[in-house]
């Protein structure tokens, strides 16, 4: 999505280019953090087959870092609010 937004910059009116650039930044930040959240989950838990043939999730001992979600919100929400203001001008 980030690449699409940035490639569409020349096709958008100059008034909206800054907002579209911010949209690309938001999707880039979100992509990075969601990959980090996924990697943290993979490291923190082991998924395998249980005795009944159902999946069983066990703790690996590595702590799950859910701070990525809050850092993502801390960065992207203000950018989205700025984008909203720019689009509504």
PDB file of N, CA and C in Angstrom:
ATOM      1  N   UNK A   1       0.825  -1.186   0.000  1.00  0.00           N
ATOM      2  CA  UNK A   1       0.000   0.000   0.000  1.00  0.00           C
ATOM      3  C   UNK A   1       0.869   1.250   0.000  1.00  0.00           C
ATOM      4  N   UNK A   2       1.966   1.216   0.739  1.00  0.00           N
ATOM      5  CA  UNK A   2       2.841   2.385   0.812  1.00  0.00           C
ATOM      6  C   UNK A   2       3.362   2.745  -0.570  1.00  0.00           C
ATOM      7  N   UNK A   3       3.831   1.750  -1.299  1.00  0.00           N
ATOM      8  CA  UNK A   3       4.374   2.006  -2.638  1.00  0.00           C
ATOM      9  C   UNK A   3       3.288   2.546  -3.557  1.00  0.00           C
ATOM     10  N   UNK A   4       2.091   1.979  -3.469  1.00  0.00           N
ATOM     11  CA  UNK A   4       0.981   2.462  -4.296  1.00  0.00           C
ATOM     12  C   UNK A   4       0.689   3.932  -4.009  1.00  0.00           C
ATOM     13  N   UNK A   5       0.590   4.293  -2.733  1.00  0.00           N
ATOM     14  CA  UNK A   5       0.287   5.690  -2.391  1.00  0.00           C
ATOM     15  C   UNK A   5       1.369   6.629  -2.915  1.00  0.00           C
ATOM     16  N   UNK A   6       2.618   6.242  -2.747  1.00  0.00           N
ATOM     17  CA  UNK A   6       3.698   7.129  -3.180  1.00  0.00           C
ATOM     18  C   UNK A   6       3.817   7.188  -4.704  1.00  0.00           C
ATOM     19  N   UNK A   7       3.483   6.102  -5.392  1.00  0.00           N
ATOM     20  CA  UNK A   7       3.503   6.139  -6.855  1.00  0.00           C
ATOM     21  C   UNK A   7       2.352   6.963  -7.423  1.00  0.00           C
ATOM     22  N   UNK A   8       1.284   7.131  -6.666  1.00  0.00           N
ATOM     23  CA  UNK A   8       0.143   7.903  -7.127  1.00  0.00           C
ATOM     24  C   UNK A   8       0.287   9.408  -6.869  1.00  0.00           C
ATOM     25  N   UNK A   9       1.353   9.823  -6.226  1.00  0.00           N
ATOM     26  CA  UNK A   9       1.547  11.251  -5.932  1.00  0.00           C
ATOM     27  C   UNK A   9       1.441  12.153  -7.163  1.00  0.00           C
ATOM     28  N   UNK A  10       2.056  11.809  -8.299  1.00  0.00           N
ATOM     29  CA  UNK A  10       1.929  12.698  -9.459  1.00  0.00           C
ATOM     30  C   UNK A  10       0.508  12.776 -10.025  1.00  0.00           C
ATOM     31  N   UNK A  11      -0.327  11.801  -9.713  1.00  0.00           N
ATOM     32  CA  UNK A  11      -1.689  11.759 -10.248  1.00  0.00           C
ATOM     33  C   UNK A  11      -2.707  12.499  -9.386  1.00  0.00           C
ATOM     34  N   UNK A  12      -2.249  13.063  -8.277  1.00  0.00           N
ATOM     35  CA  UNK A  12      -3.158  13.703  -7.324  1.00  0.00           C
ATOM     36  C   UNK A  12      -2.927  15.214  -7.374  1.00  0.00           C
ATOM     37  N   UNK A  13      -3.990  15.970  -7.148  1.00  0.00           N
ATOM     38  CA  UNK A  13      -3.881  17.422  -7.095  1.00  0.00           C
ATOM     39  C   UNK A  13      -2.866  17.834  -6.029  1.00  0.00           C
ATOM     40  N   UNK A  14      -2.152  18.923  -6.291  1.00  0.00           N
ATOM     41  CA  UNK A  14      -1.108  19.376  -5.373  1.00  0.00           C
ATOM     42  C   UNK A  14      -1.629  19.592  -3.952  1.00  0.00           C
ATOM     43  N   UNK A  15      -2.890  19.944  -3.809  1.00  0.00           N
ATOM     44  CA  UNK A  15      -3.466  20.174  -2.478  1.00  0.00           C
ATOM     45  C   UNK A  15      -3.461  18.914  -1.617  1.00  0.00           C
ATOM     46  N   UNK A  16      -3.513  17.749  -2.254  1.00  0.00           N
ATOM     47  CA  UNK A  16      -3.630  16.493  -1.513  1.00  0.00           C
ATOM     48  C   UNK A  16      -2.335  15.674  -1.468  1.00  0.00           C
ATOM     49  N   UNK A  17      -1.285  16.173  -2.060  1.00  0.00           N
ATOM     50  CA  UNK A  17      -0.032  15.399  -2.107  1.00  0.00           C
ATOM     51  C   UNK A  17       0.583  15.193  -0.731  1.00  0.00           C
ATOM     52  N   UNK A  18       0.527  16.210   0.112  1.00  0.00           N
ATOM     53  CA  UNK A  18       1.067  16.056   1.463  1.00  0.00           C
ATOM     54  C   UNK A  18       0.277  15.008   2.240  1.00  0.00           C
ATOM     55  N   UNK A  19      -1.044  15.033   2.108  1.00  0.00           N
ATOM     56  CA  UNK A  19      -1.883  14.049   2.791  1.00  0.00           C
ATOM     57  C   UNK A  19      -1.579  12.636   2.287  1.00  0.00           C
ATOM     58  N   UNK A  20      -1.361  12.489   0.991  1.00  0.00           N
ATOM     59  CA  UNK A  20      -1.052  11.174   0.431  1.00  0.00           C
ATOM     60  C   UNK A  20       0.326  10.691   0.877  1.00  0.00           C
ATOM     61  N   UNK A  21       1.261  11.611   1.011  1.00  0.00           N
ATOM     62  CA  UNK A  21       2.582  11.260   1.529  1.00  0.00           C
ATOM     63  C   UNK A  21       2.473  10.763   2.965  1.00  0.00           C
ATOM     64  N   UNK A  22       1.664  11.444   3.769  1.00  0.00           N
ATOM     65  CA  UNK A  22       1.455  11.026   5.160  1.00  0.00           C
ATOM     66  C   UNK A  22       0.782   9.659   5.208  1.00  0.00           C
ATOM     67  N   UNK A  23      -0.157   9.408   4.300  1.00  0.00           N
ATOM     68  CA  UNK A  23      -0.800   8.097   4.232  1.00  0.00           C
ATOM     69  C   UNK A  23       0.232   7.004   3.990  1.00  0.00           C
ATOM     70  N   UNK A  24       1.160   7.258   3.090  1.00  0.00           N
ATOM     71  CA  UNK A  24       2.232   6.293   2.830  1.00  0.00           C
ATOM     72  C   UNK A  24       3.107   6.070   4.049  1.00  0.00           C
ATOM     73  N   UNK A  25       3.406   7.143   4.778  1.00  0.00           N
ATOM     74  CA  UNK A  25       4.218   7.015   5.993  1.00  0.00           C
ATOM     75  C   UNK A  25       3.478   6.190   7.040  1.00  0.00           C
ATOM     76  N   UNK A  26       2.185   6.436   7.190  1.00  0.00           N
ATOM     77  CA  UNK A  26       1.374   5.685   8.164  1.00  0.00           C
ATOM     78  C   UNK A  26       1.367   4.198   7.828  1.00  0.00           C
ATOM     79  N   UNK A  27       1.173   3.857   6.571  1.00  0.00           N
ATOM     80  CA  UNK A  27       1.150   2.440   6.204  1.00  0.00           C
ATOM     81  C   UNK A  27       2.531   1.800   6.359  1.00  0.00           C
ATOM     82  N   UNK A  28       3.583   2.564   6.115  1.00  0.00           N
ATOM     83  CA  UNK A  28       4.937   2.050   6.312  1.00  0.00           C
ATOM     84  C   UNK A  28       5.200   1.758   7.790  1.00  0.00           C
ATOM     85  N   UNK A  29       4.828   2.689   8.656  1.00  0.00           N
ATOM     86  CA  UNK A  29       4.998   2.503  10.103  1.00  0.00           C
ATOM     87  C   UNK A  29       4.178   1.303  10.580  1.00  0.00           C
ATOM     88  N   UNK A  30       2.933   1.220  10.130  1.00  0.00           N
ATOM     89  CA  UNK A  30       2.066   0.117  10.550  1.00  0.00           C
ATOM     90  C   UNK A  30       2.607  -1.228  10.069  1.00  0.00           C
ATOM     91  N   UNK A  31       3.092  -1.285   8.845  1.00  0.00           N
ATOM     92  CA  UNK A  31       3.651  -2.534   8.322  1.00  0.00           C
ATOM     93  C   UNK A  31       4.838  -2.989   9.165  1.00  0.00           C
ATOM     94  N   UNK A  32       5.730  -2.062   9.449  1.00  0.00           N
ATOM     95  CA  UNK A  32       6.904  -2.395  10.254  1.00  0.00           C
ATOM     96  C   UNK A  32       6.496  -2.937  11.623  1.00  0.00           C
ATOM     97  N   UNK A  33       5.570  -2.233  12.288  1.00  0.00           N
ATOM     98  CA  UNK A  33       5.189  -2.653  13.639  1.00  0.00           C
ATOM     99  C   UNK A  33       4.426  -3.974  13.648  1.00  0.00           C
ATOM    100  N   UNK A  34       3.585  -4.210  12.655  1.00  0.00           N
ATOM    101  CA  UNK A  34       2.856  -5.471  12.637  1.00  0.00           C
ATOM    102  C   UNK A  34       3.765  -6.654  12.335  1.00  0.00           C
ATOM    103  N   UNK A  35       4.800  -6.448  11.541  1.00  0.00           N
ATOM    104  CA  UNK A  35       5.794  -7.505  11.373  1.00  0.00           C
ATOM    105  C   UNK A  35       6.528  -7.766  12.682  1.00  0.00           C
ATOM    106  N   UNK A  36       6.863  -6.712  13.411  1.00  0.00           N
ATOM    107  CA  UNK A  36       7.527  -6.872  14.700  1.00  0.00           C
ATOM    108  C   UNK A  36       6.623  -7.599  15.699  1.00  0.00           C
ATOM    109  N   UNK A  37       5.324  -7.258  15.704  1.00  0.00           N
ATOM    110  CA  UNK A  37       4.377  -7.940  16.589  1.00  0.00           C
ATOM    111  C   UNK A  37       4.301  -9.417  16.228  1.00  0.00           C
ATOM    112  N   UNK A  38       4.226  -9.723  14.940  1.00  0.00           N
ATOM    113  CA  UNK A  38       4.165 -11.120  14.500  1.00  0.00           C
ATOM    114  C   UNK A  38       5.417 -11.872  14.936  1.00  0.00           C
ATOM    115  N   UNK A  39       6.595 -11.290  14.715  1.00  0.00           N
ATOM    116  CA  UNK A  39       7.844 -11.952  15.104  1.00  0.00           C
ATOM    117  C   UNK A  39       7.936 -12.140  16.613  1.00  0.00           C
ATOM    118  N   UNK A  40       7.427 -11.180  17.367  1.00  0.00           N
ATOM    119  CA  UNK A  40       7.423 -11.306  18.820  1.00  0.00           C
ATOM    120  C   UNK A  40       6.510 -12.445  19.259  1.00  0.00           C
ATOM    121  N   UNK A  41       5.358 -12.572  18.602  1.00  0.00           N
ATOM    122  CA  UNK A  41       4.422 -13.658  18.936  1.00  0.00           C
ATOM    123  C   UNK A  41       5.036 -15.010  18.606  1.00  0.00           C
ATOM    124  N   UNK A  42       5.662 -15.108  17.448  1.00  0.00           N
ATOM    125  CA  UNK A  42       6.287 -16.375  17.040  1.00  0.00           C
ATOM    126  C   UNK A  42       7.368 -16.779  18.034  1.00  0.00           C
ATOM    127  N   UNK A  43       8.125 -15.799  18.531  1.00  0.00           N
ATOM    128  CA  UNK A  43       9.192 -16.106  19.487  1.00  0.00           C
ATOM    129  C   UNK A  43       8.641 -16.446  20.868  1.00  0.00           C
ATOM    130  N   UNK A  44       7.496 -15.898  21.241  1.00  0.00           N
ATOM    131  CA  UNK A  44       6.966 -16.058  22.593  1.00  0.00           C
ATOM    132  C   UNK A  44       6.146 -17.336  22.782  1.00  0.00           C
ATOM    133  N   UNK A  45       5.610 -17.883  21.709  1.00  0.00           N
ATOM    134  CA  UNK A  45       4.720 -19.039  21.833  1.00  0.00           C
ATOM    135  C   UNK A  45       5.119 -20.150  20.872  1.00  0.00           C
ATOM    136  N   UNK A  46       4.862 -21.378  21.285  1.00  0.00           N
ATOM    137  CA  UNK A  46       5.060 -22.551  20.433  1.00  0.00           C
ATOM    138  C   UNK A  46       3.693 -23.160  20.143  1.00  0.00           C
ATOM    139  N   UNK A  47       3.420 -23.394  18.882  1.00  0.00           N
ATOM    140  CA  UNK A  47       2.152 -23.993  18.476  1.00  0.00           C
ATOM    141  C   UNK A  47       2.450 -25.388  17.936  1.00  0.00           C
ATOM    142  N   UNK A  48       1.731 -26.359  18.470  1.00  0.00           N
ATOM    143  CA  UNK A  48       1.927 -27.737  18.025  1.00  0.00           C
ATOM    144  C   UNK A  48       0.655 -28.529  18.204  1.00  0.00           C
ATOM    145  N   UNK A  49       0.695 -29.766  17.782  1.00  0.00           N
ATOM    146  CA  UNK A  49      -0.475 -30.634  17.931  1.00  0.00           C
ATOM    147  C   UNK A  49      -0.516 -31.199  19.346  1.00  0.00           C
ATOM    148  N   UNK A  50      -1.704 -31.129  19.938  1.00  0.00           N
ATOM    149  CA  UNK A  50      -1.913 -31.697  21.264  1.00  0.00           C
ATOM    150  C   UNK A  50      -2.257 -33.168  21.176  1.00  0.00           C
ATOM    151  N   UNK A  51      -2.586 -33.735  22.322  1.00  0.00           N
ATOM    152  CA  UNK A  51      -2.892 -35.175  22.374  1.00  0.00           C
ATOM    153  C   UNK A  51      -4.192 -35.516  21.662  1.00  0.00           C
ATOM    154  N   UNK A  52      -5.145 -34.602  21.606  1.00  0.00           N
ATOM    155  CA  UNK A  52      -6.431 -34.858  20.962  1.00  0.00           C
ATOM    156  C   UNK A  52      -6.418 -34.546  19.475  1.00  0.00           C
ATOM    157  N   UNK A  53      -5.272 -34.160  18.952  1.00  0.00           N
ATOM    158  CA  UNK A  53      -5.202 -33.773  17.545  1.00  0.00           C
ATOM    159  C   UNK A  53      -5.527 -32.311  17.318  1.00  0.00           C
ATOM    160  N   UNK A  54      -5.833 -31.593  18.391  1.00  0.00           N
ATOM    161  CA  UNK A  54      -6.101 -30.163  18.266  1.00  0.00           C
ATOM    162  C   UNK A  54      -4.797 -29.394  18.495  1.00  0.00           C
ATOM    163  N   UNK A  55      -4.814 -28.163  18.101  1.00  0.00           N
ATOM    164  CA  UNK A  55      -3.623 -27.342  18.280  1.00  0.00           C
ATOM    165  C   UNK A  55      -3.454 -26.935  19.731  1.00  0.00           C
ATOM    166  N   UNK A  56      -2.224 -26.890  20.155  1.00  0.00           N
ATOM    167  CA  UNK A  56      -1.906 -26.524  21.533  1.00  0.00           C
ATOM    168  C   UNK A  56      -0.862 -25.407  21.502  1.00  0.00           C
ATOM    169  N   UNK A  57      -1.125 -24.341  22.251  1.00  0.00           N
ATOM    170  CA  UNK A  57      -0.206 -23.207  22.320  1.00  0.00           C
ATOM    171  C   UNK A  57       0.472 -23.228  23.683  1.00  0.00           C
ATOM    172  N   UNK A  58       1.799 -23.222  23.663  1.00  0.00           N
ATOM    173  CA  UNK A  58       2.569 -23.196  24.908  1.00  0.00           C
ATOM    174  C   UNK A  58       3.511 -22.004  24.893  1.00  0.00           C
ATOM    175  N   UNK A  59       3.877 -21.568  26.080  1.00  0.00           N
ATOM    176  CA  UNK A  59       4.777 -20.427  26.226  1.00  0.00           C
ATOM    177  C   UNK A  59       6.211 -20.902  26.034  1.00  0.00           C
ATOM    178  N   UNK A  60       6.984 -20.132  25.254  1.00  0.00           N
ATOM    179  CA  UNK A  60       8.364 -20.529  24.985  1.00  0.00           C
ATOM    180  C   UNK A  60       9.350 -20.002  26.029  1.00  0.00           C
ATOM    181  N   UNK A  61       8.943 -19.014  26.788  1.00  0.00           N
ATOM    182  CA  UNK A  61       9.841 -18.410  27.771  1.00  0.00           C
ATOM    183  C   UNK A  61      10.319 -17.035  27.351  1.00  0.00           C
ATOM    184  N   UNK A  62      10.260 -16.755  26.053  1.00  0.00           N
ATOM    185  CA  UNK A  62      10.587 -15.415  25.560  1.00  0.00           C
ATOM    186  C   UNK A  62       9.370 -14.528  25.767  1.00  0.00           C
ATOM    187  N   UNK A  63       9.520 -13.356  26.382  1.00  0.00           N
ATOM    188  CA  UNK A  63       8.348 -12.512  26.624  1.00  0.00           C
ATOM    189  C   UNK A  63       7.776 -11.936  25.323  1.00  0.00           C
ATOM    190  N   UNK A  64       6.461 -11.854  25.270  1.00  0.00           N
ATOM    191  CA  UNK A  64       5.773 -11.232  24.134  1.00  0.00           C
ATOM    192  C   UNK A  64       5.786  -9.726  24.348  1.00  0.00           C
ATOM    193  N   UNK A  65       6.265  -8.998  23.368  1.00  0.00           N
ATOM    194  CA  UNK A  65       6.366  -7.546  23.483  1.00  0.00           C
ATOM    195  C   UNK A  65       5.182  -6.903  22.768  1.00  0.00           C
ATOM    196  N   UNK A  66       4.177  -6.500  23.531  1.00  0.00           N
ATOM    197  CA  UNK A  66       3.021  -5.844  22.923  1.00  0.00           C
ATOM    198  C   UNK A  66       3.169  -4.330  22.908  1.00  0.00           C
ATOM    199  N   UNK A  67       4.333  -3.823  23.267  1.00  0.00           N
ATOM    200  CA  UNK A  67       4.572  -2.374  23.221  1.00  0.00           C
ATOM    201  C   UNK A  67       4.581  -1.860  21.784  1.00  0.00           C
ATOM    202  N   UNK A  68       4.867  -2.750  20.828  1.00  0.00           N
ATOM    203  CA  UNK A  68       4.870  -2.324  19.424  1.00  0.00           C
ATOM    204  C   UNK A  68       3.519  -1.748  19.015  1.00  0.00           C
ATOM    205  N   UNK A  69       2.458  -2.338  19.522  1.00  0.00           N
ATOM    206  CA  UNK A  69       1.115  -1.862  19.183  1.00  0.00           C
ATOM    207  C   UNK A  69       0.912  -0.435  19.664  1.00  0.00           C
ATOM    208  N   UNK A  70       1.349  -0.151  20.878  1.00  0.00           N
ATOM    209  CA  UNK A  70       1.137   1.179  21.443  1.00  0.00           C
ATOM    210  C   UNK A  70       2.058   2.216  20.818  1.00  0.00           C
ATOM    211  N   UNK A  71       3.260   1.814  20.463  1.00  0.00           N
ATOM    212  CA  UNK A  71       4.156   2.730  19.750  1.00  0.00           C
ATOM    213  C   UNK A  71       3.574   3.030  18.374  1.00  0.00           C
ATOM    214  N   UNK A  72       3.001   2.020  17.737  1.00  0.00           N
ATOM    215  CA  UNK A  72       2.350   2.223  16.448  1.00  0.00           C
ATOM    216  C   UNK A  72       1.231   3.257  16.571  1.00  0.00           C
ATOM    217  N   UNK A  73       0.398   3.098  17.570  1.00  0.00           N
ATOM    218  CA  UNK A  73      -0.687   4.066  17.781  1.00  0.00           C
ATOM    219  C   UNK A  73      -0.137   5.452  18.087  1.00  0.00           C
ATOM    220  N   UNK A  74       0.912   5.513  18.892  1.00  0.00           N
ATOM    221  CA  UNK A  74       1.507   6.789  19.273  1.00  0.00           C
ATOM    222  C   UNK A  74       2.019   7.548  18.047  1.00  0.00           C
ATOM    223  N   UNK A  75       2.508   6.826  17.063  1.00  0.00           N
ATOM    224  CA  UNK A  75       3.039   7.469  15.861  1.00  0.00           C
ATOM    225  C   UNK A  75       1.978   7.713  14.792  1.00  0.00           C
ATOM    226  N   UNK A  76       1.097   6.741  14.583  1.00  0.00           N
ATOM    227  CA  UNK A  76       0.179   6.841  13.448  1.00  0.00           C
ATOM    228  C   UNK A  76      -1.067   7.677  13.717  1.00  0.00           C
ATOM    229  N   UNK A  77      -1.586   7.657  14.925  1.00  0.00           N
ATOM    230  CA  UNK A  77      -2.817   8.424  15.196  1.00  0.00           C
ATOM    231  C   UNK A  77      -2.606   9.926  15.002  1.00  0.00           C
ATOM    232  N   UNK A  78      -1.539  10.534  15.530  1.00  0.00           N
ATOM    233  CA  UNK A  78      -1.337  11.958  15.241  1.00  0.00           C
ATOM    234  C   UNK A  78      -1.144  12.242  13.744  1.00  0.00           C
ATOM    235  N   UNK A  79      -0.450  11.337  13.050  1.00  0.00           N
ATOM    236  CA  UNK A  79      -0.284  11.537  11.609  1.00  0.00           C
ATOM    237  C   UNK A  79      -1.621  11.467  10.881  1.00  0.00           C
ATOM    238  N   UNK A  80      -2.483  10.542  11.292  1.00  0.00           N
ATOM    239  CA  UNK A  80      -3.801  10.439  10.672  1.00  0.00           C
ATOM    240  C   UNK A  80      -4.656  11.678  10.957  1.00  0.00           C
ATOM    241  N   UNK A  81      -4.514  12.243  12.143  1.00  0.00           N
ATOM    242  CA  UNK A  81      -5.256  13.472  12.458  1.00  0.00           C
ATOM    243  C   UNK A  81      -4.762  14.650  11.626  1.00  0.00           C
ATOM    244  N   UNK A  82      -3.452  14.731  11.432  1.00  0.00           N
ATOM    245  CA  UNK A  82      -2.896  15.772  10.566  1.00  0.00           C
ATOM    246  C   UNK A  82      -3.384  15.574   9.140  1.00  0.00           C
ATOM    247  N   UNK A  83      -3.402  14.328   8.694  1.00  0.00           N
ATOM    248  CA  UNK A  83      -3.897  14.034   7.354  1.00  0.00           C
ATOM    249  C   UNK A  83      -5.362  14.438   7.199  1.00  0.00           C
ATOM    250  N   UNK A  84      -6.160  14.172   8.209  1.00  0.00           N
ATOM    251  CA  UNK A  84      -7.568  14.559   8.176  1.00  0.00           C
ATOM    252  C   UNK A  84      -7.721  16.068   8.034  1.00  0.00           C
ATOM    253  N   UNK A  85      -6.925  16.810   8.769  1.00  0.00           N
ATOM    254  CA  UNK A  85      -6.971  18.270   8.689  1.00  0.00           C
ATOM    255  C   UNK A  85      -6.566  18.736   7.298  1.00  0.00           C
ATOM    256  N   UNK A  86      -5.522  18.138   6.743  1.00  0.00           N
ATOM    257  CA  UNK A  86      -5.057  18.526   5.404  1.00  0.00           C
ATOM    258  C   UNK A  86      -6.097  18.230   4.332  1.00  0.00           C
ATOM    259  N   UNK A  87      -6.788  17.121   4.453  1.00  0.00           N
ATOM    260  CA  UNK A  87      -7.786  16.748   3.460  1.00  0.00           C
ATOM    261  C   UNK A  87      -9.019  17.643   3.576  1.00  0.00           C
ATOM    262  N   UNK A  88      -9.348  18.071   4.776  1.00  0.00           N
ATOM    263  CA  UNK A  88     -10.559  18.886   4.977  1.00  0.00           C
ATOM    264  C   UNK A  88     -10.362  20.358   4.673  1.00  0.00           C
ATOM    265  N   UNK A  89      -9.132  20.791   4.402  1.00  0.00           N
ATOM    266  CA  UNK A  89      -8.892  22.208   4.079  1.00  0.00           C
ATOM    267  C   UNK A  89      -9.609  22.625   2.835  1.00  0.00           C
TER     268      UNK A  89
END
